[in-house]
Amino acid sequence: MKHYIYIILISLLLAGCGKQAVSIGRGEPDMEIKKCTKLMDDKDFEQAVQCLEMFKARFSGTPMAQEAELAIGDAYFKKKEYLMAAESYLAYTKLYPTSPRNDYAFYRAGASYFKEAPKAIDRDQEYLEKAVQMYIIVVRRYSNSPYFDLAAKDLEEALARVAKRQFYIGRFYYRTGEYLACIPRFEDLVNNFPKSLLVEHSLYLITSASLKLGHVDDARTAFSKMSVEYPSGKWTKKAEKKMRKATK
């Protein structure tokens, strides 16, 4: 019985070691890189990263080694290791600050952070903010880039999520009676996210919170902005009733 168990264990060990380790030789770079691209095509991303690391070390200083550096980020991205992907893309931009492919690297770094950011707005959004930073770089620096439209679209979506988080926190403070704490949150949303659908509601809550604090002038300023930008809005009408009642 012990003999059979021993055979089974050896068989499992050999099976686990059956995958052949990839190696980069001294052939032509365009031939050696195919070993790495095949691993990518086969979705063996862990082996692909090792292959690309060996390739860039073997052919250091060549244009293909530069491409391998970028491909490492792609492998991590496809492996859904988004933080490693972001670090790889940003490492590329630092190693090759004048590369014509930095638009791609910054865009993919943004996409990596965006995918890593939790969708629940009540959780920490550090990576969402980093995604915004990366998208802004693409939009501001690379207006002719093929990734400009993608970055602009993703930036708009990321900013909408940041605005929702600001509103969520502001409304929490409002509901708990922390009016001095909620007003700056709503003001930040109004000033920095003017396209957000939450602007009118935020102005209403600024108006209401200011009235509760007895800051009538501040309430009047917020209400005036609402009246101009949302003359027939639902929240503008509610704010008008509050202003009439407070100023009688």
C-alpha atoms as a PDB file:
ATOM      1  CA  MET A   1       0.000   0.000   0.000  1.00  0.00           C
ATOM      2  CA  LYS A   2       2.832   2.337   0.892  1.00  0.00           C
ATOM      3  CA  HIS A   3       4.445   1.485  -2.433  1.00  0.00           C
ATOM      4  CA  TYR A   4       1.333   2.580  -4.375  1.00  0.00           C
ATOM      5  CA  ILE A   5       1.008   5.816  -2.380  1.00  0.00           C
ATOM      6  CA  TYR A   6       4.647   6.579  -3.150  1.00  0.00           C
ATOM      7  CA  ILE A   7       4.048   6.049  -6.873  1.00  0.00           C
ATOM      8  CA  ILE A   8       0.976   8.316  -6.824  1.00  0.00           C
ATOM      9  CA  LEU A   9       2.881  11.091  -5.026  1.00  0.00           C
ATOM     10  CA  ILE A  10       5.752  10.886  -7.509  1.00  0.00           C
ATOM     11  CA  SER A  11       3.295  10.992 -10.405  1.00  0.00           C
ATOM     12  CA  LEU A  12       1.600  14.118  -9.028  1.00  0.00           C
ATOM     13  CA  LEU A  13       4.967  15.776  -8.485  1.00  0.00           C
ATOM     14  CA  LEU A  14       6.072  15.042 -12.034  1.00  0.00           C
ATOM     15  CA  ALA A  15       2.766  16.307 -13.379  1.00  0.00           C
ATOM     16  CA  GLY A  16       3.219  19.570 -11.477  1.00  0.00           C
ATOM     17  CA  CYS A  17       6.697  19.955 -12.901  1.00  0.00           C
ATOM     18  CA  GLY A  18       5.658  19.020 -16.402  1.00  0.00           C
ATOM     19  CA  LYS A  19       5.344  22.593 -17.672  1.00  0.00           C
ATOM     20  CA  GLN A  20       8.568  23.493 -19.422  1.00  0.00           C
ATOM     21  CA  ALA A  21      10.193  26.698 -18.204  1.00  0.00           C
ATOM     22  CA  VAL A  22      10.491  29.351 -20.875  1.00  0.00           C
ATOM     23  CA  SER A  23      13.951  30.535 -21.895  1.00  0.00           C
ATOM     24  CA  ILE A  24      15.275  33.304 -24.109  1.00  0.00           C
ATOM     25  CA  GLY A  25      18.277  32.353 -26.184  1.00  0.00           C
ATOM     26  CA  ARG A  26      20.730  34.267 -28.342  1.00  0.00           C
ATOM     27  CA  GLY A  27      18.754  34.161 -31.563  1.00  0.00           C
ATOM     28  CA  GLU A  28      17.413  37.162 -33.414  1.00  0.00           C
ATOM     29  CA  PRO A  29      15.188  39.375 -31.234  1.00  0.00           C
ATOM     30  CA  ASP A  30      12.201  39.128 -33.576  1.00  0.00           C
ATOM     31  CA  MET A  31      12.350  35.341 -33.312  1.00  0.00           C
ATOM     32  CA  GLU A  32      12.936  35.187 -29.557  1.00  0.00           C
ATOM     33  CA  ILE A  33      10.039  37.557 -28.797  1.00  0.00           C
ATOM     34  CA  LYS A  34       7.674  35.101 -30.473  1.00  0.00           C
ATOM     35  CA  LYS A  35       8.134  32.797 -27.480  1.00  0.00           C
ATOM     36  CA  CYS A  36       6.638  35.539 -25.303  1.00  0.00           C
ATOM     37  CA  THR A  37       3.846  36.475 -27.684  1.00  0.00           C
ATOM     38  CA  LYS A  38       2.835  32.817 -27.972  1.00  0.00           C
ATOM     39  CA  LEU A  39       2.502  32.625 -24.202  1.00  0.00           C
ATOM     40  CA  MET A  40       0.325  35.747 -24.320  1.00  0.00           C
ATOM     41  CA  ASP A  41      -1.815  34.195 -27.045  1.00  0.00           C
ATOM     42  CA  ASP A  42      -2.143  31.036 -24.952  1.00  0.00           C
ATOM     43  CA  LYS A  43      -3.245  33.207 -21.973  1.00  0.00           C
ATOM     44  CA  ASP A  44      -0.326  31.943 -19.913  1.00  0.00           C
ATOM     45  CA  PHE A  45       0.287  35.418 -18.564  1.00  0.00           C
ATOM     46  CA  GLU A  46       2.484  34.435 -15.635  1.00  0.00           C
ATOM     47  CA  GLN A  47       4.930  32.689 -17.948  1.00  0.00           C
ATOM     48  CA  ALA A  48       4.590  35.542 -20.436  1.00  0.00           C
ATOM     49  CA  VAL A  49       5.747  38.065 -17.820  1.00  0.00           C
ATOM     50  CA  GLN A  50       8.780  35.911 -17.018  1.00  0.00           C
ATOM     51  CA  CYS A  51       9.526  35.564 -20.714  1.00  0.00           C
ATOM     52  CA  LEU A  52       9.277  39.304 -21.323  1.00  0.00           C
ATOM     53  CA  GLU A  53      11.450  40.068 -18.307  1.00  0.00           C
ATOM     54  CA  MET A  54      14.139  37.728 -19.649  1.00  0.00           C
ATOM     55  CA  PHE A  55      13.786  39.155 -23.136  1.00  0.00           C
ATOM     56  CA  LYS A  56      14.270  42.776 -22.079  1.00  0.00           C
ATOM     57  CA  ALA A  57      17.289  41.753 -19.960  1.00  0.00           C
ATOM     58  CA  ARG A  58      18.810  39.775 -22.842  1.00  0.00           C
ATOM     59  CA  PHE A  59      18.204  42.505 -25.431  1.00  0.00           C
ATOM     60  CA  SER A  60      18.566  45.516 -23.165  1.00  0.00           C
ATOM     61  CA  GLY A  61      18.712  48.845 -24.970  1.00  0.00           C
ATOM     62  CA  THR A  62      16.950  47.658 -28.116  1.00  0.00           C
ATOM     63  CA  PRO A  63      13.593  48.988 -29.362  1.00  0.00           C
ATOM     64  CA  MET A  64      12.075  45.543 -28.876  1.00  0.00           C
ATOM     65  CA  ALA A  65      13.161  45.497 -25.242  1.00  0.00           C
ATOM     66  CA  GLN A  66      11.283  48.760 -24.872  1.00  0.00           C
ATOM     67  CA  GLU A  67       8.184  47.142 -26.353  1.00  0.00           C
ATOM     68  CA  ALA A  68       8.637  44.194 -24.002  1.00  0.00           C
ATOM     69  CA  GLU A  69       8.520  46.591 -21.059  1.00  0.00           C
ATOM     70  CA  LEU A  70       5.140  47.815 -22.227  1.00  0.00           C
ATOM     71  CA  ALA A  71       3.920  44.293 -22.957  1.00  0.00           C
ATOM     72  CA  ILE A  72       4.575  43.334 -19.336  1.00  0.00           C
ATOM     73  CA  GLY A  73       1.924  45.836 -18.330  1.00  0.00           C
ATOM     74  CA  ASP A  74      -0.452  44.288 -20.876  1.00  0.00           C
ATOM     75  CA  ALA A  75       0.180  40.817 -19.451  1.00  0.00           C
ATOM     76  CA  TYR A  76      -0.609  41.944 -15.910  1.00  0.00           C
ATOM     77  CA  PHE A  77      -3.697  43.760 -17.184  1.00  0.00           C
ATOM     78  CA  LYS A  78      -4.993  40.646 -18.936  1.00  0.00           C
ATOM     79  CA  LYS A  79      -4.198  38.648 -15.815  1.00  0.00           C
ATOM     80  CA  LYS A  80      -6.415  41.148 -13.917  1.00  0.00           C
ATOM     81  CA  GLU A  81      -3.558  42.155 -11.646  1.00  0.00           C
ATOM     82  CA  TYR A  82      -4.405  45.791 -12.191  1.00  0.00           C
ATOM     83  CA  LEU A  83      -2.105  47.398  -9.642  1.00  0.00           C
ATOM     84  CA  MET A  84       0.886  45.537 -11.069  1.00  0.00           C
ATOM     85  CA  ALA A  85      -0.250  46.598 -14.526  1.00  0.00           C
ATOM     86  CA  ALA A  86      -0.487  50.255 -13.490  1.00  0.00           C
ATOM     87  CA  GLU A  87       2.979  50.131 -11.923  1.00  0.00           C
ATOM     88  CA  SER A  88       4.395  48.572 -15.087  1.00  0.00           C
ATOM     89  CA  TYR A  89       2.856  51.189 -17.373  1.00  0.00           C
ATOM     90  CA  LEU A  90       4.064  54.046 -15.178  1.00  0.00           C
ATOM     91  CA  ALA A  91       7.525  52.479 -14.964  1.00  0.00           C
ATOM     92  CA  TYR A  92       7.567  52.543 -18.759  1.00  0.00           C
ATOM     93  CA  THR A  93       6.805  56.286 -18.831  1.00  0.00           C
ATOM     94  CA  LYS A  94       9.658  56.936 -16.410  1.00  0.00           C
ATOM     95  CA  LEU A  95      12.134  54.757 -18.276  1.00  0.00           C
ATOM     96  CA  TYR A  96      11.175  56.205 -21.654  1.00  0.00           C
ATOM     97  CA  PRO A  97       9.852  59.749 -21.016  1.00  0.00           C
ATOM     98  CA  THR A  98      10.017  60.679 -24.719  1.00  0.00           C
ATOM     99  CA  SER A  99       8.449  57.498 -26.055  1.00  0.00           C
ATOM    100  CA  PRO A 100       5.709  58.035 -28.663  1.00  0.00           C
ATOM    101  CA  ARG A 101       3.741  55.293 -26.902  1.00  0.00           C
ATOM    102  CA  ASN A 102       3.419  57.092 -23.578  1.00  0.00           C
ATOM    103  CA  ASP A 103      -0.134  58.066 -24.499  1.00  0.00           C
ATOM    104  CA  TYR A 104      -0.991  54.367 -24.464  1.00  0.00           C
ATOM    105  CA  ALA A 105       0.939  53.762 -21.231  1.00  0.00           C
ATOM    106  CA  PHE A 106      -0.824  56.575 -19.363  1.00  0.00           C
ATOM    107  CA  TYR A 107      -4.220  55.553 -20.716  1.00  0.00           C
ATOM    108  CA  ARG A 108      -3.728  51.929 -19.691  1.00  0.00           C
ATOM    109  CA  ALA A 109      -2.462  52.992 -16.278  1.00  0.00           C
ATOM    110  CA  GLY A 110      -5.696  54.938 -15.882  1.00  0.00           C
ATOM    111  CA  ALA A 111      -7.750  51.965 -17.037  1.00  0.00           C
ATOM    112  CA  SER A 112      -5.899  49.735 -14.563  1.00  0.00           C
ATOM    113  CA  TYR A 113      -6.606  52.028 -11.615  1.00  0.00           C
ATOM    114  CA  PHE A 114     -10.207  52.438 -12.775  1.00  0.00           C
ATOM    115  CA  LYS A 115     -10.754  48.674 -12.764  1.00  0.00           C
ATOM    116  CA  GLU A 116      -9.106  48.350  -9.348  1.00  0.00           C
ATOM    117  CA  ALA A 117     -11.320  51.027  -7.791  1.00  0.00           C
ATOM    118  CA  PRO A 118     -14.331  49.612  -5.909  1.00  0.00           C
ATOM    119  CA  LYS A 119     -17.693  50.455  -7.463  1.00  0.00           C
ATOM    120  CA  ALA A 120     -19.287  50.991  -4.060  1.00  0.00           C
ATOM    121  CA  ILE A 121     -18.995  54.743  -3.408  1.00  0.00           C
ATOM    122  CA  ASP A 122     -18.855  54.277   0.359  1.00  0.00           C
ATOM    123  CA  ARG A 123     -15.466  52.568   0.076  1.00  0.00           C
ATOM    124  CA  ASP A 124     -12.039  54.157  -0.269  1.00  0.00           C
ATOM    125  CA  GLN A 125     -11.604  55.633  -3.746  1.00  0.00           C
ATOM    126  CA  GLU A 126      -7.846  56.214  -3.833  1.00  0.00           C
ATOM    127  CA  TYR A 127      -7.473  54.310  -7.091  1.00  0.00           C
ATOM    128  CA  LEU A 128     -10.394  56.120  -8.704  1.00  0.00           C
ATOM    129  CA  GLU A 129      -8.628  59.418  -8.041  1.00  0.00           C
ATOM    130  CA  LYS A 130      -5.436  58.009  -9.555  1.00  0.00           C
ATOM    131  CA  ALA A 131      -7.398  56.911 -12.628  1.00  0.00           C
ATOM    132  CA  VAL A 132      -8.669  60.476 -13.009  1.00  0.00           C
ATOM    133  CA  GLN A 133      -5.093  61.773 -12.864  1.00  0.00           C
ATOM    134  CA  MET A 134      -3.948  59.385 -15.592  1.00  0.00           C
ATOM    135  CA  TYR A 135      -6.889  60.189 -17.886  1.00  0.00           C
ATOM    136  CA  ILE A 136      -6.298  63.910 -17.440  1.00  0.00           C
ATOM    137  CA  ILE A 137      -2.672  63.461 -18.540  1.00  0.00           C
ATOM    138  CA  VAL A 138      -3.824  61.809 -21.772  1.00  0.00           C
ATOM    139  CA  VAL A 139      -6.496  64.432 -22.451  1.00  0.00           C
ATOM    140  CA  ARG A 140      -4.190  67.385 -21.781  1.00  0.00           C
ATOM    141  CA  ARG A 141      -0.947  66.147 -23.312  1.00  0.00           C
ATOM    142  CA  TYR A 142      -2.024  63.951 -26.201  1.00  0.00           C
ATOM    143  CA  SER A 143      -4.900  65.637 -28.022  1.00  0.00           C
ATOM    144  CA  ASN A 144      -3.990  63.838 -31.270  1.00  0.00           C
ATOM    145  CA  SER A 145      -3.675  60.423 -29.665  1.00  0.00           C
ATOM    146  CA  PRO A 146      -5.873  57.524 -30.803  1.00  0.00           C
ATOM    147  CA  TYR A 147      -6.562  57.044 -27.080  1.00  0.00           C
ATOM    148  CA  PHE A 148      -7.794  60.610 -26.560  1.00  0.00           C
ATOM    149  CA  ASP A 149     -11.488  59.810 -27.067  1.00  0.00           C
ATOM    150  CA  LEU A 150     -11.297  56.709 -24.896  1.00  0.00           C
ATOM    151  CA  ALA A 151      -9.556  58.630 -22.129  1.00  0.00           C
ATOM    152  CA  ALA A 152     -12.062  61.488 -22.357  1.00  0.00           C
ATOM    153  CA  LYS A 153     -14.994  59.080 -22.135  1.00  0.00           C
ATOM    154  CA  ASP A 154     -13.517  57.151 -19.213  1.00  0.00           C
ATOM    155  CA  LEU A 155     -12.568  60.414 -17.498  1.00  0.00           C
ATOM    156  CA  GLU A 156     -16.172  61.583 -17.650  1.00  0.00           C
ATOM    157  CA  GLU A 157     -17.351  58.327 -16.089  1.00  0.00           C
ATOM    158  CA  ALA A 158     -14.655  58.446 -13.409  1.00  0.00           C
ATOM    159  CA  LEU A 159     -15.493  62.051 -12.526  1.00  0.00           C
ATOM    160  CA  ALA A 160     -19.178  61.143 -12.236  1.00  0.00           C
ATOM    161  CA  ARG A 161     -18.232  58.499  -9.682  1.00  0.00           C
ATOM    162  CA  VAL A 162     -16.064  60.963  -7.745  1.00  0.00           C
ATOM    163  CA  ALA A 163     -18.969  63.419  -7.702  1.00  0.00           C
ATOM    164  CA  LYS A 164     -21.326  60.713  -6.417  1.00  0.00           C
ATOM    165  CA  ARG A 165     -18.907  59.978  -3.590  1.00  0.00           C
ATOM    166  CA  GLN A 166     -18.710  63.646  -2.621  1.00  0.00           C
ATOM    167  CA  PHE A 167     -22.490  63.840  -2.639  1.00  0.00           C
ATOM    168  CA  TYR A 168     -22.785  60.633  -0.602  1.00  0.00           C
ATOM    169  CA  ILE A 169     -20.451  61.984   2.102  1.00  0.00           C
ATOM    170  CA  GLY A 170     -22.072  65.420   2.074  1.00  0.00           C
ATOM    171  CA  ARG A 171     -25.552  63.981   2.420  1.00  0.00           C
ATOM    172  CA  PHE A 172     -24.386  61.754   5.287  1.00  0.00           C
ATOM    173  CA  TYR A 173     -23.177  64.826   7.177  1.00  0.00           C
ATOM    174  CA  TYR A 174     -26.393  66.665   6.307  1.00  0.00           C
ATOM    175  CA  ARG A 175     -28.602  63.871   7.642  1.00  0.00           C
ATOM    176  CA  THR A 176     -26.612  63.689  10.874  1.00  0.00           C
ATOM    177  CA  GLY A 177     -26.894  67.442  11.399  1.00  0.00           C
ATOM    178  CA  GLU A 178     -23.235  68.188  10.653  1.00  0.00           C
ATOM    179  CA  TYR A 179     -24.064  71.171   8.479  1.00  0.00           C
ATOM    180  CA  LEU A 180     -20.653  72.841   8.660  1.00  0.00           C
ATOM    181  CA  ALA A 181     -19.110  69.575   7.458  1.00  0.00           C
ATOM    182  CA  CYS A 182     -21.584  68.909   4.650  1.00  0.00           C
ATOM    183  CA  ILE A 183     -21.487  72.317   2.943  1.00  0.00           C
ATOM    184  CA  PRO A 184     -17.828  72.095   1.735  1.00  0.00           C
ATOM    185  CA  ARG A 185     -18.565  68.672   0.190  1.00  0.00           C
ATOM    186  CA  PHE A 186     -21.493  70.022  -1.783  1.00  0.00           C
ATOM    187  CA  GLU A 187     -19.556  73.155  -2.762  1.00  0.00           C
ATOM    188  CA  ASP A 188     -16.711  70.998  -4.053  1.00  0.00           C
ATOM    189  CA  LEU A 189     -19.177  69.039  -6.189  1.00  0.00           C
ATOM    190  CA  VAL A 190     -20.783  72.219  -7.565  1.00  0.00           C
ATOM    191  CA  ASN A 191     -17.458  73.909  -8.356  1.00  0.00           C
ATOM    192  CA  ASN A 192     -15.426  70.958  -9.627  1.00  0.00           C
ATOM    193  CA  PHE A 193     -18.076  68.792 -11.262  1.00  0.00           C
ATOM    194  CA  PRO A 194     -20.378  71.273 -13.033  1.00  0.00           C
ATOM    195  CA  LYS A 195     -21.622  68.608 -15.473  1.00  0.00           C
ATOM    196  CA  SER A 196     -22.813  66.319 -12.702  1.00  0.00           C
ATOM    197  CA  LEU A 197     -26.548  65.638 -12.473  1.00  0.00           C
ATOM    198  CA  LEU A 198     -26.191  66.141  -8.730  1.00  0.00           C
ATOM    199  CA  VAL A 199     -25.351  69.854  -8.911  1.00  0.00           C
ATOM    200  CA  GLU A 200     -28.926  71.121  -8.483  1.00  0.00           C
ATOM    201  CA  HIS A 201     -29.588  68.816  -5.537  1.00  0.00           C
ATOM    202  CA  SER A 202     -26.269  69.866  -3.988  1.00  0.00           C
ATOM    203  CA  LEU A 203     -27.174  73.545  -4.281  1.00  0.00           C
ATOM    204  CA  TYR A 204     -30.484  72.820  -2.594  1.00  0.00           C
ATOM    205  CA  LEU A 205     -28.725  71.098   0.298  1.00  0.00           C
ATOM    206  CA  ILE A 206     -26.265  74.000   0.595  1.00  0.00           C
ATOM    207  CA  THR A 207     -29.232  76.371   0.753  1.00  0.00           C
ATOM    208  CA  SER A 208     -31.009  74.258   3.358  1.00  0.00           C
ATOM    209  CA  ALA A 209     -27.899  73.657   5.496  1.00  0.00           C
ATOM    210  CA  SER A 210     -27.001  77.347   5.407  1.00  0.00           C
ATOM    211  CA  LEU A 211     -30.500  78.290   6.587  1.00  0.00           C
ATOM    212  CA  LYS A 212     -30.283  75.768   9.427  1.00  0.00           C
ATOM    213  CA  LEU A 213     -27.031  77.432  10.488  1.00  0.00           C
ATOM    214  CA  GLY A 214     -28.616  80.869  10.226  1.00  0.00           C
ATOM    215  CA  HIS A 215     -26.325  81.852   7.347  1.00  0.00           C
ATOM    216  CA  VAL A 216     -28.991  83.523   5.255  1.00  0.00           C
ATOM    217  CA  ASP A 217     -26.573  85.281   2.903  1.00  0.00           C
ATOM    218  CA  ASP A 218     -24.866  81.994   2.029  1.00  0.00           C
ATOM    219  CA  ALA A 219     -28.254  80.400   1.453  1.00  0.00           C
ATOM    220  CA  ARG A 220     -29.255  83.275  -0.785  1.00  0.00           C
ATOM    221  CA  THR A 221     -26.061  82.892  -2.851  1.00  0.00           C
ATOM    222  CA  ALA A 222     -26.660  79.173  -3.443  1.00  0.00           C
ATOM    223  CA  PHE A 223     -30.325  79.757  -4.227  1.00  0.00           C
ATOM    224  CA  SER A 224     -29.457  82.529  -6.681  1.00  0.00           C
ATOM    225  CA  LYS A 225     -27.194  80.145  -8.587  1.00  0.00           C
ATOM    226  CA  MET A 226     -29.969  77.565  -8.671  1.00  0.00           C
ATOM    227  CA  SER A 227     -32.476  80.093  -9.964  1.00  0.00           C
ATOM    228  CA  VAL A 228     -30.217  81.015 -12.866  1.00  0.00           C
ATOM    229  CA  GLU A 229     -29.066  77.531 -13.839  1.00  0.00           C
ATOM    230  CA  TYR A 230     -32.180  75.520 -12.953  1.00  0.00           C
ATOM    231  CA  PRO A 231     -35.099  77.969 -13.069  1.00  0.00           C
ATOM    232  CA  SER A 232     -37.764  75.278 -13.279  1.00  0.00           C
ATOM    233  CA  GLY A 233     -35.926  72.517 -11.443  1.00  0.00           C
ATOM    234  CA  LYS A 234     -37.556  70.394  -8.744  1.00  0.00           C
ATOM    235  CA  TRP A 235     -34.938  71.269  -6.143  1.00  0.00           C
ATOM    236  CA  THR A 236     -35.026  74.949  -7.077  1.00  0.00           C
ATOM    237  CA  LYS A 237     -38.735  75.069  -6.308  1.00  0.00           C
ATOM    238  CA  LYS A 238     -38.186  73.379  -2.948  1.00  0.00           C
ATOM    239  CA  ALA A 239     -35.369  75.797  -2.136  1.00  0.00           C
ATOM    240  CA  GLU A 240     -37.612  78.736  -3.041  1.00  0.00           C
ATOM    241  CA  LYS A 241     -40.199  77.628  -0.456  1.00  0.00           C
ATOM    242  CA  LYS A 242     -37.495  77.359   2.200  1.00  0.00           C
ATOM    243  CA  MET A 243     -36.138  80.804   1.329  1.00  0.00           C
ATOM    244  CA  ARG A 244     -39.593  82.400   1.516  1.00  0.00           C
ATOM    245  CA  LYS A 245     -40.258  80.825   4.882  1.00  0.00           C
ATOM    246  CA  ALA A 246     -36.848  81.848   6.268  1.00  0.00           C
ATOM    247  CA  THR A 247     -37.006  85.463   5.086  1.00  0.00           C
ATOM    248  CA  LYS A 248     -40.557  86.320   6.187  1.00  0.00           C
END
